[in-house]
Amino acid sequence: MLGLTTETLASESRLPVATIEALETEGGSTDIKALAALRSVLENHGVLFLAGGSDGMGGAGIRFKHWSDDDGIRPENLNATNDD
């Protein structure tokens, strides 16, 4: 989604590459400090973490912070009348 490499995530979070790779392959982790460090890096890159129902735009997941309904016309809504 962001195009960040494992090495970039490791460097910015100050975690070993092996920890990043383990999180990617094993899925869950009980290492709260590692998860918090990764979350911080992703948030600094513009990712917003959402709990289910925490906003009016959908369920649990991630979104870019800068996205909103006021950011113009979504690509699927473009047509000849609004294509300026």
C-alpha atoms as a PDB file:
ATOM      1  CA  MET A   1       0.000   0.000   0.000  1.00  0.00           C
ATOM      2  CA  LEU A   2       2.823   2.403   0.843  1.00  0.00           C
ATOM      3  CA  GLY A   3       5.619   0.752  -1.090  1.00  0.00           C
ATOM      4  CA  LEU A   4       7.847   0.508   1.993  1.00  0.00           C
ATOM      5  CA  THR A   5      10.455  -2.230   2.053  1.00  0.00           C
ATOM      6  CA  THR A   6      11.036  -4.518   4.994  1.00  0.00           C
ATOM      7  CA  GLU A   7      14.378  -2.820   5.468  1.00  0.00           C
ATOM      8  CA  THR A   8      12.752   0.628   5.587  1.00  0.00           C
ATOM      9  CA  LEU A   9      10.195  -0.546   8.143  1.00  0.00           C
ATOM     10  CA  ALA A  10      12.951  -2.100  10.223  1.00  0.00           C
ATOM     11  CA  SER A  11      15.089   1.015  10.076  1.00  0.00           C
ATOM     12  CA  GLU A  12      12.292   3.454  10.904  1.00  0.00           C
ATOM     13  CA  SER A  13      10.840   1.276  13.684  1.00  0.00           C
ATOM     14  CA  ARG A  14      14.275   0.336  15.043  1.00  0.00           C
ATOM     15  CA  LEU A  15      13.277  -3.331  14.894  1.00  0.00           C
ATOM     16  CA  PRO A  16      15.299  -6.179  13.394  1.00  0.00           C
ATOM     17  CA  VAL A  17      14.355  -7.214   9.853  1.00  0.00           C
ATOM     18  CA  ALA A  18      13.652 -10.705  11.247  1.00  0.00           C
ATOM     19  CA  THR A  19      10.969  -9.258  13.548  1.00  0.00           C
ATOM     20  CA  ILE A  20       9.265  -7.488  10.640  1.00  0.00           C
ATOM     21  CA  GLU A  21       9.390 -10.657   8.543  1.00  0.00           C
ATOM     22  CA  ALA A  22       7.985 -12.734  11.411  1.00  0.00           C
ATOM     23  CA  LEU A  23       5.071 -10.336  11.802  1.00  0.00           C
ATOM     24  CA  GLU A  24       4.367 -10.565   8.075  1.00  0.00           C
ATOM     25  CA  THR A  25       4.491 -14.356   7.885  1.00  0.00           C
ATOM     26  CA  GLU A  26       3.150 -15.406  11.282  1.00  0.00           C
ATOM     27  CA  GLY A  27       0.336 -12.867  11.383  1.00  0.00           C
ATOM     28  CA  GLY A  28      -0.264 -12.287  15.063  1.00  0.00           C
ATOM     29  CA  SER A  29       2.222 -11.287  17.693  1.00  0.00           C
ATOM     30  CA  THR A  30       2.239 -10.806  21.416  1.00  0.00           C
ATOM     31  CA  ASP A  31       5.151  -8.378  21.168  1.00  0.00           C
ATOM     32  CA  ILE A  32       3.160  -5.241  21.923  1.00  0.00           C
ATOM     33  CA  LYS A  33       6.233  -3.000  21.718  1.00  0.00           C
ATOM     34  CA  ALA A  34       7.060  -4.238  18.200  1.00  0.00           C
ATOM     35  CA  LEU A  35       3.471  -3.753  17.058  1.00  0.00           C
ATOM     36  CA  ALA A  36       3.365  -0.256  18.547  1.00  0.00           C
ATOM     37  CA  ALA A  37       6.634   0.659  16.811  1.00  0.00           C
ATOM     38  CA  LEU A  38       5.310  -0.538  13.455  1.00  0.00           C
ATOM     39  CA  ARG A  39       2.004   1.232  13.948  1.00  0.00           C
ATOM     40  CA  SER A  40       3.844   4.456  14.686  1.00  0.00           C
ATOM     41  CA  VAL A  41       5.878   4.178  11.483  1.00  0.00           C
ATOM     42  CA  LEU A  42       2.778   3.474   9.407  1.00  0.00           C
ATOM     43  CA  GLU A  43       0.889   6.364  11.004  1.00  0.00           C
ATOM     44  CA  ASN A  44       3.826   8.666  10.205  1.00  0.00           C
ATOM     45  CA  HIS A  45       3.409   7.592   6.577  1.00  0.00           C
ATOM     46  CA  GLY A  46      -0.268   8.599   6.573  1.00  0.00           C
ATOM     47  CA  VAL A  47      -2.065   5.403   7.581  1.00  0.00           C
ATOM     48  CA  LEU A  48      -5.064   5.616   9.898  1.00  0.00           C
ATOM     49  CA  PHE A  49      -6.036   2.521  11.884  1.00  0.00           C
ATOM     50  CA  LEU A  50      -9.772   2.048  12.373  1.00  0.00           C
ATOM     51  CA  ALA A  51     -11.739  -0.158  14.717  1.00  0.00           C
ATOM     52  CA  GLY A  52     -14.987  -1.569  13.372  1.00  0.00           C
ATOM     53  CA  GLY A  53     -17.556   1.200  13.076  1.00  0.00           C
ATOM     54  CA  SER A  54     -15.196   3.945  14.255  1.00  0.00           C
ATOM     55  CA  ASP A  55     -16.097   6.142  11.308  1.00  0.00           C
ATOM     56  CA  GLY A  56     -18.922   6.440   8.855  1.00  0.00           C
ATOM     57  CA  MET A  57     -16.919   5.116   5.893  1.00  0.00           C
ATOM     58  CA  GLY A  58     -16.647   1.417   6.676  1.00  0.00           C
ATOM     59  CA  GLY A  59     -15.532  -1.207   9.116  1.00  0.00           C
ATOM     60  CA  ALA A  60     -12.290  -2.180  10.747  1.00  0.00           C
ATOM     61  CA  GLY A  61      -9.136  -1.726   8.736  1.00  0.00           C
ATOM     62  CA  ILE A  62      -6.766   0.951   7.585  1.00  0.00           C
ATOM     63  CA  ARG A  63      -7.238   4.049   5.482  1.00  0.00           C
ATOM     64  CA  PHE A  64      -5.032   6.884   4.347  1.00  0.00           C
ATOM     65  CA  LYS A  65      -5.423   9.873   6.679  1.00  0.00           C
ATOM     66  CA  HIS A  66      -5.768  12.330   3.826  1.00  0.00           C
ATOM     67  CA  TRP A  67      -8.773  10.611   2.225  1.00  0.00           C
ATOM     68  CA  SER A  68     -12.178  12.169   2.746  1.00  0.00           C
ATOM     69  CA  ASP A  69     -15.408  12.664   0.862  1.00  0.00           C
ATOM     70  CA  ASP A  70     -14.284  16.245   0.123  1.00  0.00           C
ATOM     71  CA  ASP A  71     -11.207  15.222  -1.867  1.00  0.00           C
ATOM     72  CA  GLY A  72     -12.985  15.520  -5.200  1.00  0.00           C
ATOM     73  CA  ILE A  73     -14.687  13.020  -7.425  1.00  0.00           C
ATOM     74  CA  ARG A  74     -13.806   9.374  -6.968  1.00  0.00           C
ATOM     75  CA  PRO A  75     -12.593   7.683 -10.192  1.00  0.00           C
ATOM     76  CA  GLU A  76     -15.633   5.421 -10.454  1.00  0.00           C
ATOM     77  CA  ASN A  77     -17.873   8.518 -10.460  1.00  0.00           C
ATOM     78  CA  LEU A  78     -16.116  10.321 -13.319  1.00  0.00           C
ATOM     79  CA  ASN A  79     -18.114  10.863 -16.487  1.00  0.00           C
ATOM     80  CA  ALA A  80     -18.244  13.230 -19.463  1.00  0.00           C
ATOM     81  CA  THR A  81     -20.150  15.913 -17.539  1.00  0.00           C
ATOM     82  CA  ASN A  82     -17.737  16.182 -14.619  1.00  0.00           C
ATOM     83  CA  ASP A  83     -14.461  15.440 -16.446  1.00  0.00           C
ATOM     84  CA  ASP A  84     -12.814  18.871 -16.370  1.00  0.00           C
END
